[in-house]
Protein backbone atom coordinates (compact mmCIF):
# COMPACT_ATOMS: atom_id res chain seq x y z
CA UNK A 1 0.00 0.00 0.00
CA UNK A 2 2.87 2.39 0.80
CA UNK A 3 4.38 1.86 -2.68
CA UNK A 4 1.06 2.72 -4.33
CA UNK A 5 0.70 5.87 -2.23
CA UNK A 6 4.28 6.98 -3.00
CA UNK A 7 3.82 6.31 -6.73
CA UNK A 8 0.53 8.23 -6.77
CA UNK A 9 2.08 11.15 -4.90
CA UNK A 10 5.09 11.21 -7.26
CA UNK A 11 2.77 11.25 -10.29
CA UNK A 12 0.75 14.11 -8.83
CA UNK A 13 3.87 16.15 -8.18
CA UNK A 14 5.16 15.51 -11.72
CA UNK A 15 1.84 16.64 -13.24
CA UNK A 16 1.78 19.75 -11.06
CA UNK A 17 5.34 20.65 -12.10
CA UNK A 18 4.50 20.13 -15.78
CA UNK A 19 1.41 22.32 -15.42
CA UNK A 20 3.47 25.08 -13.81
CA UNK A 21 6.02 24.99 -16.66
CA UNK A 22 3.22 25.09 -19.24
CA UNK A 23 1.56 28.04 -17.50
CA UNK A 24 4.85 29.95 -17.41
CA UNK A 25 5.47 29.31 -21.12
CA UNK A 26 1.96 30.47 -22.03
CA UNK A 27 2.35 33.60 -19.93
CA UNK A 28 5.61 34.48 -21.67
CA UNK A 29 4.07 34.13 -25.15
CA UNK A 30 1.00 36.14 -24.17
CA UNK A 31 3.18 38.87 -22.68
CA UNK A 32 5.16 39.22 -25.92
CA UNK A 33 1.92 39.37 -27.94
CA UNK A 34 0.52 42.00 -25.58
CA UNK A 35 3.64 44.13 -26.02
CA UNK A 36 3.42 43.95 -29.81
CA UNK A 37 -0.29 44.80 -29.73
CA UNK A 38 0.35 47.71 -27.38
CA UNK A 39 3.06 49.02 -29.70
CA UNK A 40 0.66 48.82 -32.66
CA UNK A 41 -2.08 50.65 -30.75
CA UNK A 42 0.41 53.30 -29.64
CA UNK A 43 1.45 53.90 -33.27
CA UNK A 44 -2.20 54.20 -34.31
CA UNK A 45 -2.84 56.84 -31.64
CA UNK A 46 0.17 58.87 -32.79
CA UNK A 47 -1.04 59.03 -36.40
CA UNK A 48 -3.81 61.25 -37.66
CA UNK A 49 -6.23 58.51 -38.77
CA UNK A 50 -9.93 58.77 -39.60
CA UNK A 51 -12.05 58.63 -36.45
CA UNK A 52 -14.91 56.27 -35.68
CA UNK A 53 -18.20 57.70 -36.91
CA UNK A 54 -16.81 59.90 -39.70
CA UNK A 55 -18.67 59.61 -42.99
CA UNK A 56 -17.02 58.57 -46.25
CA UNK A 57 -17.44 62.16 -47.48
CA UNK A 58 -15.64 63.51 -44.40
CA UNK A 59 -12.79 61.02 -44.86
CA UNK A 60 -12.46 61.97 -48.54
CA UNK A 61 -12.39 65.67 -47.66
CA UNK A 62 -9.86 65.31 -44.82
CA UNK A 63 -7.57 62.54 -46.17
CA UNK A 64 -8.13 62.63 -49.92
CA UNK A 65 -8.87 59.74 -52.25
CA UNK A 66 -7.64 56.29 -51.16
CA UNK A 67 -5.01 54.43 -53.14
CA UNK A 68 -7.43 51.55 -53.48
CA UNK A 69 -11.08 50.78 -52.69
CA UNK A 70 -11.41 47.08 -51.93
CA UNK A 71 -14.52 45.07 -52.80
CA UNK A 72 -17.45 45.42 -50.39
CA UNK A 73 -17.98 42.50 -48.02
CA UNK A 74 -21.25 41.50 -46.37
CA UNK A 75 -24.46 43.37 -47.10
CA UNK A 76 -26.45 40.18 -47.60
CA UNK A 77 -28.76 40.87 -44.62
CA UNK A 78 -29.48 43.35 -41.83
CA UNK A 79 -27.26 41.24 -39.56
CA UNK A 80 -24.40 41.50 -42.05
CA UNK A 81 -24.15 45.16 -43.12
CA UNK A 82 -21.87 46.11 -46.00
CA UNK A 83 -18.24 46.62 -44.95
CA UNK A 84 -16.10 48.80 -47.21
CA UNK A 85 -12.31 49.06 -46.98
CA UNK A 86 -10.24 51.93 -48.27
CA UNK A 87 -6.48 51.51 -48.45
CA UNK A 88 -4.26 54.54 -47.91
CA UNK A 89 -0.46 54.70 -47.73
CA UNK A 90 0.28 53.03 -44.40
CA UNK A 91 -3.25 52.35 -43.15
CA UNK A 92 -6.66 50.95 -44.06
CA UNK A 93 -10.03 52.45 -43.14
CA UNK A 94 -13.01 50.16 -42.48
CA UNK A 95 -16.54 51.46 -43.00
CA UNK A 96 -19.86 49.92 -41.97
CA UNK A 97 -22.23 51.17 -44.61
CA UNK A 98 -20.79 54.69 -45.03
CA UNK A 99 -19.32 55.43 -41.58
CA UNK A 100 -15.86 54.64 -40.19
CA UNK A 101 -15.76 51.78 -37.72
CA UNK A 102 -11.96 51.43 -37.52
CA UNK A 103 -8.69 52.54 -39.07
CA UNK A 104 -5.63 50.31 -38.73
CA UNK A 105 -1.97 50.49 -39.68
CA UNK A 106 -1.12 48.18 -42.59
CA UNK A 107 1.26 45.34 -41.70
CA UNK A 108 4.78 45.62 -43.10
CA UNK A 109 5.36 43.75 -46.39
CA UNK A 110 5.83 40.01 -45.77
CA UNK A 111 4.18 40.23 -42.33
CA UNK A 112 0.49 39.89 -43.16
C-alpha atoms as a PDB file:
ATOM      1  CA  UNK A   1       0.000   0.000   0.000  1.00  0.00           C
ATOM      2  CA  UNK A   2       2.867   2.385   0.803  1.00  0.00           C
ATOM      3  CA  UNK A   3       4.384   1.863  -2.683  1.00  0.00           C
ATOM      4  CA  UNK A   4       1.059   2.720  -4.334  1.00  0.00           C
ATOM      5  CA  UNK A   5       0.698   5.873  -2.228  1.00  0.00           C
ATOM      6  CA  UNK A   6       4.280   6.979  -2.999  1.00  0.00           C
ATOM      7  CA  UNK A   7       3.817   6.305  -6.734  1.00  0.00           C
ATOM      8  CA  UNK A   8       0.533   8.234  -6.766  1.00  0.00           C
ATOM      9  CA  UNK A   9       2.082  11.151  -4.898  1.00  0.00           C
ATOM     10  CA  UNK A  10       5.086  11.214  -7.256  1.00  0.00           C
ATOM     11  CA  UNK A  11       2.770  11.246 -10.292  1.00  0.00           C
ATOM     12  CA  UNK A  12       0.746  14.109  -8.833  1.00  0.00           C
ATOM     13  CA  UNK A  13       3.875  16.151  -8.185  1.00  0.00           C
ATOM     14  CA  UNK A  14       5.163  15.511 -11.717  1.00  0.00           C
ATOM     15  CA  UNK A  15       1.842  16.644 -13.236  1.00  0.00           C
ATOM     16  CA  UNK A  16       1.785  19.753 -11.055  1.00  0.00           C
ATOM     17  CA  UNK A  17       5.342  20.645 -12.100  1.00  0.00           C
ATOM     18  CA  UNK A  18       4.501  20.134 -15.776  1.00  0.00           C
ATOM     19  CA  UNK A  19       1.410  22.322 -15.418  1.00  0.00           C
ATOM     20  CA  UNK A  20       3.468  25.077 -13.811  1.00  0.00           C
ATOM     21  CA  UNK A  21       6.020  24.989 -16.656  1.00  0.00           C
ATOM     22  CA  UNK A  22       3.224  25.087 -19.239  1.00  0.00           C
ATOM     23  CA  UNK A  23       1.565  28.036 -17.500  1.00  0.00           C
ATOM     24  CA  UNK A  24       4.850  29.948 -17.409  1.00  0.00           C
ATOM     25  CA  UNK A  25       5.469  29.314 -21.115  1.00  0.00           C
ATOM     26  CA  UNK A  26       1.962  30.468 -22.030  1.00  0.00           C
ATOM     27  CA  UNK A  27       2.348  33.602 -19.934  1.00  0.00           C
ATOM     28  CA  UNK A  28       5.610  34.481 -21.672  1.00  0.00           C
ATOM     29  CA  UNK A  29       4.073  34.131 -25.151  1.00  0.00           C
ATOM     30  CA  UNK A  30       1.004  36.144 -24.167  1.00  0.00           C
ATOM     31  CA  UNK A  31       3.177  38.867 -22.680  1.00  0.00           C
ATOM     32  CA  UNK A  32       5.157  39.220 -25.923  1.00  0.00           C
ATOM     33  CA  UNK A  33       1.923  39.367 -27.940  1.00  0.00           C
ATOM     34  CA  UNK A  34       0.518  41.997 -25.584  1.00  0.00           C
ATOM     35  CA  UNK A  35       3.635  44.134 -26.017  1.00  0.00           C
ATOM     36  CA  UNK A  36       3.416  43.951 -29.811  1.00  0.00           C
ATOM     37  CA  UNK A  37      -0.291  44.800 -29.733  1.00  0.00           C
ATOM     38  CA  UNK A  38       0.350  47.712 -27.379  1.00  0.00           C
ATOM     39  CA  UNK A  39       3.062  49.024 -29.705  1.00  0.00           C
ATOM     40  CA  UNK A  40       0.660  48.820 -32.663  1.00  0.00           C
ATOM     41  CA  UNK A  41      -2.084  50.650 -30.754  1.00  0.00           C
ATOM     42  CA  UNK A  42       0.411  53.303 -29.635  1.00  0.00           C
ATOM     43  CA  UNK A  43       1.449  53.898 -33.270  1.00  0.00           C
ATOM     44  CA  UNK A  44      -2.205  54.204 -34.313  1.00  0.00           C
ATOM     45  CA  UNK A  45      -2.843  56.836 -31.639  1.00  0.00           C
ATOM     46  CA  UNK A  46       0.170  58.874 -32.789  1.00  0.00           C
ATOM     47  CA  UNK A  47      -1.038  59.028 -36.397  1.00  0.00           C
ATOM     48  CA  UNK A  48      -3.811  61.246 -37.664  1.00  0.00           C
ATOM     49  CA  UNK A  49      -6.229  58.514 -38.772  1.00  0.00           C
ATOM     50  CA  UNK A  50      -9.930  58.768 -39.600  1.00  0.00           C
ATOM     51  CA  UNK A  51     -12.052  58.629 -36.454  1.00  0.00           C
ATOM     52  CA  UNK A  52     -14.908  56.266 -35.679  1.00  0.00           C
ATOM     53  CA  UNK A  53     -18.200  57.697 -36.910  1.00  0.00           C
ATOM     54  CA  UNK A  54     -16.805  59.901 -39.701  1.00  0.00           C
ATOM     55  CA  UNK A  55     -18.671  59.606 -42.992  1.00  0.00           C
ATOM     56  CA  UNK A  56     -17.021  58.569 -46.248  1.00  0.00           C
ATOM     57  CA  UNK A  57     -17.442  62.155 -47.484  1.00  0.00           C
ATOM     58  CA  UNK A  58     -15.644  63.508 -44.399  1.00  0.00           C
ATOM     59  CA  UNK A  59     -12.793  61.023 -44.860  1.00  0.00           C
ATOM     60  CA  UNK A  60     -12.456  61.965 -48.540  1.00  0.00           C
ATOM     61  CA  UNK A  61     -12.392  65.670 -47.661  1.00  0.00           C
ATOM     62  CA  UNK A  62      -9.858  65.309 -44.822  1.00  0.00           C
ATOM     63  CA  UNK A  63      -7.571  62.542 -46.166  1.00  0.00           C
ATOM     64  CA  UNK A  64      -8.135  62.625 -49.922  1.00  0.00           C
ATOM     65  CA  UNK A  65      -8.872  59.735 -52.250  1.00  0.00           C
ATOM     66  CA  UNK A  66      -7.644  56.291 -51.163  1.00  0.00           C
ATOM     67  CA  UNK A  67      -5.006  54.426 -53.142  1.00  0.00           C
ATOM     68  CA  UNK A  68      -7.433  51.547 -53.481  1.00  0.00           C
ATOM     69  CA  UNK A  69     -11.078  50.784 -52.686  1.00  0.00           C
ATOM     70  CA  UNK A  70     -11.412  47.076 -51.928  1.00  0.00           C
ATOM     71  CA  UNK A  71     -14.523  45.075 -52.803  1.00  0.00           C
ATOM     72  CA  UNK A  72     -17.448  45.418 -50.394  1.00  0.00           C
ATOM     73  CA  UNK A  73     -17.980  42.497 -48.020  1.00  0.00           C
ATOM     74  CA  UNK A  74     -21.255  41.499 -46.374  1.00  0.00           C
ATOM     75  CA  UNK A  75     -24.461  43.369 -47.099  1.00  0.00           C
ATOM     76  CA  UNK A  76     -26.447  40.176 -47.603  1.00  0.00           C
ATOM     77  CA  UNK A  77     -28.755  40.868 -44.619  1.00  0.00           C
ATOM     78  CA  UNK A  78     -29.476  43.346 -41.826  1.00  0.00           C
ATOM     79  CA  UNK A  79     -27.263  41.236 -39.559  1.00  0.00           C
ATOM     80  CA  UNK A  80     -24.395  41.504 -42.051  1.00  0.00           C
ATOM     81  CA  UNK A  81     -24.146  45.156 -43.118  1.00  0.00           C
ATOM     82  CA  UNK A  82     -21.868  46.108 -46.000  1.00  0.00           C
ATOM     83  CA  UNK A  83     -18.244  46.616 -44.950  1.00  0.00           C
ATOM     84  CA  UNK A  84     -16.096  48.798 -47.210  1.00  0.00           C
ATOM     85  CA  UNK A  85     -12.309  49.064 -46.981  1.00  0.00           C
ATOM     86  CA  UNK A  86     -10.236  51.933 -48.273  1.00  0.00           C
ATOM     87  CA  UNK A  87      -6.482  51.505 -48.445  1.00  0.00           C
ATOM     88  CA  UNK A  88      -4.263  54.541 -47.906  1.00  0.00           C
ATOM     89  CA  UNK A  89      -0.462  54.698 -47.729  1.00  0.00           C
ATOM     90  CA  UNK A  90       0.279  53.033 -44.397  1.00  0.00           C
ATOM     91  CA  UNK A  91      -3.247  52.351 -43.145  1.00  0.00           C
ATOM     92  CA  UNK A  92      -6.663  50.951 -44.064  1.00  0.00           C
ATOM     93  CA  UNK A  93     -10.032  52.452 -43.140  1.00  0.00           C
ATOM     94  CA  UNK A  94     -13.006  50.162 -42.476  1.00  0.00           C
ATOM     95  CA  UNK A  95     -16.539  51.457 -43.000  1.00  0.00           C
ATOM     96  CA  UNK A  96     -19.857  49.921 -41.966  1.00  0.00           C
ATOM     97  CA  UNK A  97     -22.232  51.170 -44.608  1.00  0.00           C
ATOM     98  CA  UNK A  98     -20.787  54.688 -45.031  1.00  0.00           C
ATOM     99  CA  UNK A  99     -19.316  55.428 -41.580  1.00  0.00           C
ATOM    100  CA  UNK A 100     -15.857  54.639 -40.189  1.00  0.00           C
ATOM    101  CA  UNK A 101     -15.764  51.779 -37.715  1.00  0.00           C
ATOM    102  CA  UNK A 102     -11.957  51.427 -37.524  1.00  0.00           C
ATOM    103  CA  UNK A 103      -8.686  52.539 -39.072  1.00  0.00           C
ATOM    104  CA  UNK A 104      -5.626  50.305 -38.730  1.00  0.00           C
ATOM    105  CA  UNK A 105      -1.969  50.494 -39.677  1.00  0.00           C
ATOM    106  CA  UNK A 106      -1.125  48.183 -42.588  1.00  0.00           C
ATOM    107  CA  UNK A 107       1.258  45.344 -41.704  1.00  0.00           C
ATOM    108  CA  UNK A 108       4.778  45.625 -43.095  1.00  0.00           C
ATOM    109  CA  UNK A 109       5.362  43.746 -46.385  1.00  0.00           C
ATOM    110  CA  UNK A 110       5.834  40.011 -45.773  1.00  0.00           C
ATOM    111  CA  UNK A 111       4.176  40.227 -42.333  1.00  0.00           C
ATOM    112  CA  UNK A 112       0.486  39.893 -43.162  1.00  0.00           C
END
